[in-house]
Amino acid sequence: MSEHDQDREPPSIPAVLTDEQAARVRARLDRFAKGTSVRGCAKALGYARKYVRAVRDGAIRPSVHFASRVAHVAGMDLATLLGISGGAL
């Protein structure tokens, strides 16, 4: 790590997802959920079926923790899923 790299702020995850970030999470969730039941999807994510269904339907905004679980099952880092530049967290 160079001296200049240490001066830069690391990327940070927002406390509340923006509309665009929530849409990115929903899109990735939809891709993950294809071919599986809501029950199977919820189990893999560690969330209740009602919560998963509400996020997919757009009834509620996904939490940051939920987004991190979607990123995990999708095999990607959270920063990439949310479209935050600066690399992995």
N, C-alpha and C. Protein backbone atom coordinates (compact mmCIF):
# COMPACT_ATOMS: atom_id res chain seq x y z
N MET A 1 0.85 -1.16 0.00
CA MET A 1 0.00 0.00 0.00
C MET A 1 0.90 1.23 0.00
N SER A 2 0.67 2.14 -0.91
CA SER A 2 1.49 3.34 -0.98
C SER A 2 1.06 4.36 0.05
N GLU A 3 1.90 5.33 0.24
CA GLU A 3 1.61 6.39 1.19
C GLU A 3 0.32 7.13 0.82
N HIS A 4 0.08 7.28 -0.48
CA HIS A 4 -1.11 8.00 -0.94
C HIS A 4 -2.38 7.18 -0.74
N ASP A 5 -2.28 5.86 -0.82
CA ASP A 5 -3.44 5.00 -0.59
C ASP A 5 -3.95 5.14 0.83
N GLN A 6 -3.05 5.38 1.75
CA GLN A 6 -3.44 5.50 3.15
C GLN A 6 -4.20 6.80 3.41
N ASP A 7 -4.05 7.79 2.56
CA ASP A 7 -4.71 9.07 2.74
C ASP A 7 -6.16 9.06 2.25
N ARG A 8 -6.52 8.09 1.45
CA ARG A 8 -7.87 8.03 0.90
C ARG A 8 -8.83 7.42 1.89
N GLU A 9 -10.06 7.92 1.87
CA GLU A 9 -11.12 7.35 2.68
C GLU A 9 -11.52 5.99 2.08
N PRO A 10 -11.71 4.99 2.90
CA PRO A 10 -12.19 3.72 2.37
C PRO A 10 -13.65 3.85 1.98
N PRO A 11 -14.11 3.04 1.02
CA PRO A 11 -15.53 3.11 0.66
C PRO A 11 -16.37 2.72 1.87
N SER A 12 -17.52 3.32 1.99
CA SER A 12 -18.38 2.98 3.13
C SER A 12 -19.76 2.61 2.63
N ILE A 13 -20.41 1.79 3.41
CA ILE A 13 -21.76 1.34 3.10
C ILE A 13 -22.73 2.29 3.80
N PRO A 14 -23.74 2.77 3.08
CA PRO A 14 -24.70 3.68 3.69
C PRO A 14 -25.56 2.96 4.72
N ALA A 15 -26.06 3.71 5.68
CA ALA A 15 -26.94 3.13 6.70
C ALA A 15 -28.29 2.74 6.08
N VAL A 16 -28.73 3.50 5.09
CA VAL A 16 -29.99 3.24 4.40
C VAL A 16 -29.69 3.18 2.91
N LEU A 17 -30.23 2.18 2.24
CA LEU A 17 -29.98 2.03 0.81
C LEU A 17 -30.77 3.07 0.01
N THR A 18 -30.16 3.56 -1.04
CA THR A 18 -30.86 4.47 -1.94
C THR A 18 -31.84 3.66 -2.78
N ASP A 19 -32.71 4.35 -3.51
CA ASP A 19 -33.65 3.67 -4.39
C ASP A 19 -32.90 2.83 -5.42
N GLU A 20 -31.83 3.37 -5.98
CA GLU A 20 -31.05 2.64 -6.98
C GLU A 20 -30.41 1.39 -6.37
N GLN A 21 -29.85 1.52 -5.19
CA GLN A 21 -29.23 0.37 -4.53
C GLN A 21 -30.28 -0.68 -4.18
N ALA A 22 -31.44 -0.25 -3.70
CA ALA A 22 -32.51 -1.20 -3.39
C ALA A 22 -32.95 -1.94 -4.66
N ALA A 23 -33.00 -1.23 -5.77
CA ALA A 23 -33.37 -1.87 -7.04
C ALA A 23 -32.31 -2.88 -7.47
N ARG A 24 -31.03 -2.58 -7.24
CA ARG A 24 -29.96 -3.52 -7.57
C ARG A 24 -30.07 -4.79 -6.73
N VAL A 25 -30.40 -4.61 -5.44
CA VAL A 25 -30.58 -5.77 -4.55
C VAL A 25 -31.76 -6.61 -5.03
N ARG A 26 -32.87 -5.96 -5.36
CA ARG A 26 -34.06 -6.69 -5.84
C ARG A 26 -33.76 -7.46 -7.13
N ALA A 27 -33.04 -6.83 -8.04
CA ALA A 27 -32.70 -7.49 -9.31
C ALA A 27 -31.84 -8.72 -9.07
N ARG A 28 -30.84 -8.61 -8.20
CA ARG A 28 -29.97 -9.75 -7.90
C ARG A 28 -30.75 -10.82 -7.16
N LEU A 29 -31.63 -10.40 -6.25
CA LEU A 29 -32.48 -11.35 -5.53
C LEU A 29 -33.37 -12.12 -6.51
N ASP A 30 -33.95 -11.42 -7.47
CA ASP A 30 -34.80 -12.08 -8.47
C ASP A 30 -34.01 -13.11 -9.26
N ARG A 31 -32.77 -12.77 -9.64
CA ARG A 31 -31.94 -13.73 -10.37
C ARG A 31 -31.61 -14.94 -9.51
N PHE A 32 -31.32 -14.70 -8.24
CA PHE A 32 -31.02 -15.80 -7.33
C PHE A 32 -32.25 -16.68 -7.10
N ALA A 33 -33.42 -16.06 -6.99
CA ALA A 33 -34.65 -16.78 -6.63
C ALA A 33 -35.24 -17.59 -7.78
N LYS A 34 -34.84 -17.30 -9.01
CA LYS A 34 -35.39 -18.07 -10.15
C LYS A 34 -35.05 -19.54 -9.98
N GLY A 35 -36.03 -20.36 -10.14
CA GLY A 35 -35.82 -21.80 -10.06
C GLY A 35 -35.86 -22.34 -8.64
N THR A 36 -36.18 -21.51 -7.67
CA THR A 36 -36.29 -21.98 -6.30
C THR A 36 -37.56 -21.41 -5.68
N SER A 37 -38.00 -22.00 -4.62
CA SER A 37 -39.20 -21.51 -3.93
C SER A 37 -38.83 -20.32 -3.05
N VAL A 38 -39.84 -19.57 -2.65
CA VAL A 38 -39.61 -18.48 -1.71
C VAL A 38 -39.05 -19.05 -0.41
N ARG A 39 -39.53 -20.21 -0.04
CA ARG A 39 -39.04 -20.87 1.18
C ARG A 39 -37.55 -21.18 1.07
N GLY A 40 -37.14 -21.75 -0.05
CA GLY A 40 -35.73 -22.08 -0.26
C GLY A 40 -34.85 -20.84 -0.31
N CYS A 41 -35.35 -19.81 -0.96
CA CYS A 41 -34.62 -18.55 -1.06
C CYS A 41 -34.47 -17.94 0.33
N ALA A 42 -35.55 -17.91 1.09
CA ALA A 42 -35.52 -17.34 2.44
C ALA A 42 -34.57 -18.11 3.35
N LYS A 43 -34.60 -19.42 3.22
CA LYS A 43 -33.72 -20.26 4.04
C LYS A 43 -32.25 -19.97 3.72
N ALA A 44 -31.92 -19.86 2.44
CA ALA A 44 -30.53 -19.59 2.03
C ALA A 44 -30.07 -18.22 2.53
N LEU A 45 -31.00 -17.27 2.58
CA LEU A 45 -30.66 -15.92 3.02
C LEU A 45 -30.71 -15.76 4.53
N GLY A 46 -31.41 -16.66 5.20
CA GLY A 46 -31.55 -16.56 6.65
C GLY A 46 -32.60 -15.55 7.07
N TYR A 47 -33.59 -15.35 6.23
CA TYR A 47 -34.67 -14.40 6.50
C TYR A 47 -36.03 -15.10 6.37
N ALA A 48 -37.03 -14.49 6.97
CA ALA A 48 -38.39 -15.02 6.89
C ALA A 48 -38.94 -14.87 5.47
N ARG A 49 -39.79 -15.80 5.09
CA ARG A 49 -40.40 -15.76 3.75
C ARG A 49 -41.13 -14.44 3.51
N LYS A 50 -41.86 -13.96 4.53
CA LYS A 50 -42.62 -12.71 4.37
C LYS A 50 -41.69 -11.54 4.05
N TYR A 51 -40.55 -11.51 4.69
CA TYR A 51 -39.60 -10.43 4.45
C TYR A 51 -39.07 -10.52 3.02
N VAL A 52 -38.66 -11.70 2.61
CA VAL A 52 -38.13 -11.89 1.25
C VAL A 52 -39.18 -11.51 0.22
N ARG A 53 -40.40 -11.96 0.41
CA ARG A 53 -41.48 -11.65 -0.52
C ARG A 53 -41.74 -10.14 -0.56
N ALA A 54 -41.73 -9.48 0.59
CA ALA A 54 -41.99 -8.05 0.64
C ALA A 54 -40.88 -7.26 -0.07
N VAL A 55 -39.65 -7.71 0.07
CA VAL A 55 -38.54 -7.05 -0.64
C VAL A 55 -38.70 -7.27 -2.14
N ARG A 56 -38.96 -8.49 -2.55
CA ARG A 56 -39.12 -8.79 -3.98
C ARG A 56 -40.26 -8.01 -4.61
N ASP A 57 -41.35 -7.84 -3.85
CA ASP A 57 -42.52 -7.13 -4.36
C ASP A 57 -42.37 -5.62 -4.29
N GLY A 58 -41.30 -5.15 -3.65
CA GLY A 58 -41.09 -3.71 -3.52
C GLY A 58 -41.91 -3.07 -2.41
N ALA A 59 -42.50 -3.89 -1.55
CA ALA A 59 -43.31 -3.35 -0.45
C ALA A 59 -42.45 -2.71 0.63
N ILE A 60 -41.22 -3.21 0.78
CA ILE A 60 -40.30 -2.63 1.75
C ILE A 60 -38.92 -2.51 1.11
N ARG A 61 -38.15 -1.59 1.63
CA ARG A 61 -36.77 -1.39 1.17
C ARG A 61 -35.89 -2.42 1.90
N PRO A 62 -35.01 -3.11 1.19
CA PRO A 62 -34.15 -4.08 1.86
C PRO A 62 -33.19 -3.40 2.82
N SER A 63 -32.89 -4.09 3.91
CA SER A 63 -31.91 -3.57 4.86
C SER A 63 -30.50 -3.80 4.31
N VAL A 64 -29.53 -3.13 4.89
CA VAL A 64 -28.15 -3.34 4.49
C VAL A 64 -27.73 -4.78 4.79
N HIS A 65 -28.17 -5.30 5.93
CA HIS A 65 -27.83 -6.69 6.26
C HIS A 65 -28.42 -7.65 5.24
N PHE A 66 -29.66 -7.42 4.84
CA PHE A 66 -30.29 -8.27 3.82
C PHE A 66 -29.49 -8.19 2.52
N ALA A 67 -29.09 -6.97 2.15
CA ALA A 67 -28.29 -6.80 0.93
C ALA A 67 -26.99 -7.59 1.03
N SER A 68 -26.39 -7.59 2.22
CA SER A 68 -25.14 -8.35 2.38
C SER A 68 -25.38 -9.84 2.22
N ARG A 69 -26.52 -10.33 2.67
CA ARG A 69 -26.85 -11.76 2.51
C ARG A 69 -27.08 -12.09 1.04
N VAL A 70 -27.77 -11.20 0.31
CA VAL A 70 -27.98 -11.41 -1.13
C VAL A 70 -26.63 -11.44 -1.84
N ALA A 71 -25.75 -10.51 -1.50
CA ALA A 71 -24.41 -10.49 -2.11
C ALA A 71 -23.68 -11.80 -1.82
N HIS A 72 -23.78 -12.28 -0.59
CA HIS A 72 -23.09 -13.52 -0.20
C HIS A 72 -23.58 -14.70 -1.03
N VAL A 73 -24.89 -14.89 -1.13
CA VAL A 73 -25.40 -16.05 -1.88
C VAL A 73 -25.16 -15.90 -3.38
N ALA A 74 -24.98 -14.64 -3.84
CA ALA A 74 -24.69 -14.39 -5.25
C ALA A 74 -23.19 -14.50 -5.55
N GLY A 75 -22.38 -14.67 -4.49
CA GLY A 75 -20.94 -14.81 -4.69
C GLY A 75 -20.24 -13.52 -5.06
N MET A 76 -20.73 -12.41 -4.54
CA MET A 76 -20.11 -11.12 -4.84
C MET A 76 -19.98 -10.32 -3.56
N ASP A 77 -19.18 -9.27 -3.60
CA ASP A 77 -19.07 -8.45 -2.39
C ASP A 77 -20.17 -7.40 -2.39
N LEU A 78 -20.46 -6.89 -1.21
CA LEU A 78 -21.55 -5.96 -1.02
C LEU A 78 -21.34 -4.66 -1.79
N ALA A 79 -20.12 -4.15 -1.80
CA ALA A 79 -19.84 -2.91 -2.52
C ALA A 79 -20.17 -3.04 -4.00
N THR A 80 -19.83 -4.18 -4.58
CA THR A 80 -20.13 -4.42 -5.99
C THR A 80 -21.64 -4.47 -6.21
N LEU A 81 -22.35 -5.18 -5.36
CA LEU A 81 -23.80 -5.27 -5.49
C LEU A 81 -24.44 -3.89 -5.42
N LEU A 82 -23.97 -3.06 -4.50
CA LEU A 82 -24.57 -1.74 -4.31
C LEU A 82 -24.06 -0.68 -5.28
N GLY A 83 -23.05 -1.06 -6.09
CA GLY A 83 -22.52 -0.12 -7.06
C GLY A 83 -21.63 0.95 -6.44
N ILE A 84 -20.99 0.58 -5.33
CA ILE A 84 -20.09 1.52 -4.65
C ILE A 84 -18.69 1.33 -5.20
N SER A 85 -18.10 2.39 -5.71
CA SER A 85 -16.76 2.28 -6.28
C SER A 85 -15.74 2.23 -5.15
N GLY A 86 -14.62 1.67 -5.44
CA GLY A 86 -13.54 1.61 -4.46
C GLY A 86 -13.19 0.20 -4.06
N GLY A 87 -13.88 -0.78 -4.63
CA GLY A 87 -13.50 -2.17 -4.37
C GLY A 87 -14.21 -2.81 -3.21
N ALA A 88 -13.71 -3.96 -2.85
CA ALA A 88 -14.33 -4.79 -1.81
C ALA A 88 -14.16 -4.15 -0.44
N LEU A 89 -15.12 -4.43 0.41
CA LEU A 89 -15.05 -3.94 1.79
C LEU A 89 -14.60 -5.03 2.68
